[in-house]
Amino acid sequence: MTELHLLSDAAKLKMLQKLMLYWDGQWFLKVVDRYGLEEAIALNRRVRTAFGRIEMRTMLQALRLGKGDARCEFVITAAE
């Protein structure tokens, strides 16, 4: 059996991407089971909006871009 630390960085990244997708899918399905499809869609819309802001702030920080940088000012404004 392959040990996790022996996996390449690319294999680890692919595994994490799949796990995030599975987590998201299970969350949505459980919300549908409990509250119905319409409520699940409404909640998912709110989550996507909030996550989009978090994702953008995280990427900008990783790229060391921020307020005052003309290359991303429109993105920062949208993410606030």
C-alpha atoms as a PDB file:
ATOM      1  CA  MET A   1       0.000   0.000   0.000  1.00  0.00           C
ATOM      2  CA  THR A   2       1.315   3.432  -0.920  1.00  0.00           C
ATOM      3  CA  GLU A   3       1.984   5.718   2.002  1.00  0.00           C
ATOM      4  CA  LEU A   4       0.631   9.254   1.710  1.00  0.00           C
ATOM      5  CA  HIS A   5       4.044  10.890   2.093  1.00  0.00           C
ATOM      6  CA  LEU A   6       5.263   8.919  -0.927  1.00  0.00           C
ATOM      7  CA  LEU A   7       2.688  10.483  -3.236  1.00  0.00           C
ATOM      8  CA  SER A   8       3.849  13.244  -5.547  1.00  0.00           C
ATOM      9  CA  ASP A   9       2.665  16.776  -4.896  1.00  0.00           C
ATOM     10  CA  ALA A  10       0.511  16.539  -8.035  1.00  0.00           C
ATOM     11  CA  ALA A  11      -1.137  13.326  -6.750  1.00  0.00           C
ATOM     12  CA  LYS A  12      -1.782  14.908  -3.352  1.00  0.00           C
ATOM     13  CA  LEU A  13      -3.309  17.973  -5.005  1.00  0.00           C
ATOM     14  CA  LYS A  14      -5.556  15.821  -7.196  1.00  0.00           C
ATOM     15  CA  MET A  15      -6.693  13.821  -4.156  1.00  0.00           C
ATOM     16  CA  LEU A  16      -7.485  16.992  -2.182  1.00  0.00           C
ATOM     17  CA  GLN A  17      -9.424  18.408  -5.134  1.00  0.00           C
ATOM     18  CA  LYS A  18     -11.528  15.248  -5.317  1.00  0.00           C
ATOM     19  CA  LEU A  19     -12.118  15.236  -1.562  1.00  0.00           C
ATOM     20  CA  MET A  20     -13.278  18.865  -1.660  1.00  0.00           C
ATOM     21  CA  LEU A  21     -15.669  18.035  -4.497  1.00  0.00           C
ATOM     22  CA  TYR A  22     -17.035  15.022  -2.606  1.00  0.00           C
ATOM     23  CA  TRP A  23     -17.416  17.095   0.578  1.00  0.00           C
ATOM     24  CA  ASP A  24     -19.330  19.785  -1.301  1.00  0.00           C
ATOM     25  CA  GLY A  25     -21.567  17.240  -3.004  1.00  0.00           C
ATOM     26  CA  GLN A  26     -22.397  15.493   0.255  1.00  0.00           C
ATOM     27  CA  TRP A  27     -23.169  18.792   1.963  1.00  0.00           C
ATOM     28  CA  PHE A  28     -25.578  19.743  -0.823  1.00  0.00           C
ATOM     29  CA  LEU A  29     -27.292  16.339  -0.839  1.00  0.00           C
ATOM     30  CA  LYS A  30     -27.776  16.400   2.937  1.00  0.00           C
ATOM     31  CA  VAL A  31     -29.283  19.897   2.752  1.00  0.00           C
ATOM     32  CA  VAL A  32     -31.641  18.671   0.009  1.00  0.00           C
ATOM     33  CA  ASP A  33     -32.657  15.724   2.216  1.00  0.00           C
ATOM     34  CA  ARG A  34     -33.369  17.972   5.176  1.00  0.00           C
ATOM     35  CA  TYR A  35     -34.738  21.177   3.650  1.00  0.00           C
ATOM     36  CA  GLY A  36     -35.657  20.390   0.056  1.00  0.00           C
ATOM     37  CA  LEU A  37     -34.138  21.260  -3.299  1.00  0.00           C
ATOM     38  CA  GLU A  38     -35.223  24.910  -3.460  1.00  0.00           C
ATOM     39  CA  GLU A  39     -33.745  25.749  -0.059  1.00  0.00           C
ATOM     40  CA  ALA A  40     -30.560  23.832  -0.901  1.00  0.00           C
ATOM     41  CA  ILE A  41     -30.167  25.845  -4.098  1.00  0.00           C
ATOM     42  CA  ALA A  42     -30.715  29.114  -2.220  1.00  0.00           C
ATOM     43  CA  LEU A  43     -28.179  28.169   0.457  1.00  0.00           C
ATOM     44  CA  ASN A  44     -25.700  26.978  -2.153  1.00  0.00           C
ATOM     45  CA  ARG A  45     -25.964  30.342  -3.912  1.00  0.00           C
ATOM     46  CA  ARG A  46     -25.100  32.121  -0.653  1.00  0.00           C
ATOM     47  CA  VAL A  47     -22.175  29.766  -0.021  1.00  0.00           C
ATOM     48  CA  ARG A  48     -20.806  30.260  -3.550  1.00  0.00           C
ATOM     49  CA  THR A  49     -20.926  34.034  -3.139  1.00  0.00           C
ATOM     50  CA  ALA A  50     -19.180  33.944   0.228  1.00  0.00           C
ATOM     51  CA  PHE A  51     -16.609  31.389  -0.919  1.00  0.00           C
ATOM     52  CA  GLY A  52     -15.857  33.391  -4.047  1.00  0.00           C
ATOM     53  CA  ARG A  53     -14.863  36.348  -1.879  1.00  0.00           C
ATOM     54  CA  ILE A  54     -12.684  34.162   0.353  1.00  0.00           C
ATOM     55  CA  GLU A  55     -11.104  32.490  -2.663  1.00  0.00           C
ATOM     56  CA  MET A  56     -10.285  35.814  -4.323  1.00  0.00           C
ATOM     57  CA  ARG A  57      -8.797  37.344  -1.165  1.00  0.00           C
ATOM     58  CA  THR A  58      -6.681  34.216  -0.664  1.00  0.00           C
ATOM     59  CA  MET A  59      -5.386  34.292  -4.241  1.00  0.00           C
ATOM     60  CA  LEU A  60      -4.595  38.004  -4.061  1.00  0.00           C
ATOM     61  CA  GLN A  61      -2.681  37.476  -0.810  1.00  0.00           C
ATOM     62  CA  ALA A  62      -0.761  34.572  -2.341  1.00  0.00           C
ATOM     63  CA  LEU A  63       0.166  36.776  -5.305  1.00  0.00           C
ATOM     64  CA  ARG A  64       0.991  39.636  -2.931  1.00  0.00           C
ATOM     65  CA  LEU A  65      -1.470  41.903  -4.666  1.00  0.00           C
ATOM     66  CA  GLY A  66      -3.710  44.245  -2.781  1.00  0.00           C
ATOM     67  CA  LYS A  67      -5.296  47.629  -2.537  1.00  0.00           C
ATOM     68  CA  GLY A  68      -3.532  50.188  -4.617  1.00  0.00           C
ATOM     69  CA  ASP A  69      -2.424  47.692  -7.251  1.00  0.00           C
ATOM     70  CA  ALA A  70      -4.101  48.775 -10.483  1.00  0.00           C
ATOM     71  CA  ARG A  71      -3.895  45.222 -11.885  1.00  0.00           C
ATOM     72  CA  CYS A  72      -6.511  43.948  -9.462  1.00  0.00           C
ATOM     73  CA  GLU A  73      -8.433  46.936  -8.069  1.00  0.00           C
ATOM     74  CA  PHE A  74     -11.701  45.859  -9.740  1.00  0.00           C
ATOM     75  CA  VAL A  75     -11.345  42.395  -8.223  1.00  0.00           C
ATOM     76  CA  ILE A  76     -10.714  43.706  -4.722  1.00  0.00           C
ATOM     77  CA  THR A  77     -13.749  45.967  -4.937  1.00  0.00           C
ATOM     78  CA  ALA A  78     -15.927  43.048  -6.058  1.00  0.00           C
ATOM     79  CA  ALA A  79     -14.601  40.822  -3.263  1.00  0.00           C
ATOM     80  CA  GLU A  80     -15.357  43.286  -0.458  1.00  0.00           C
END
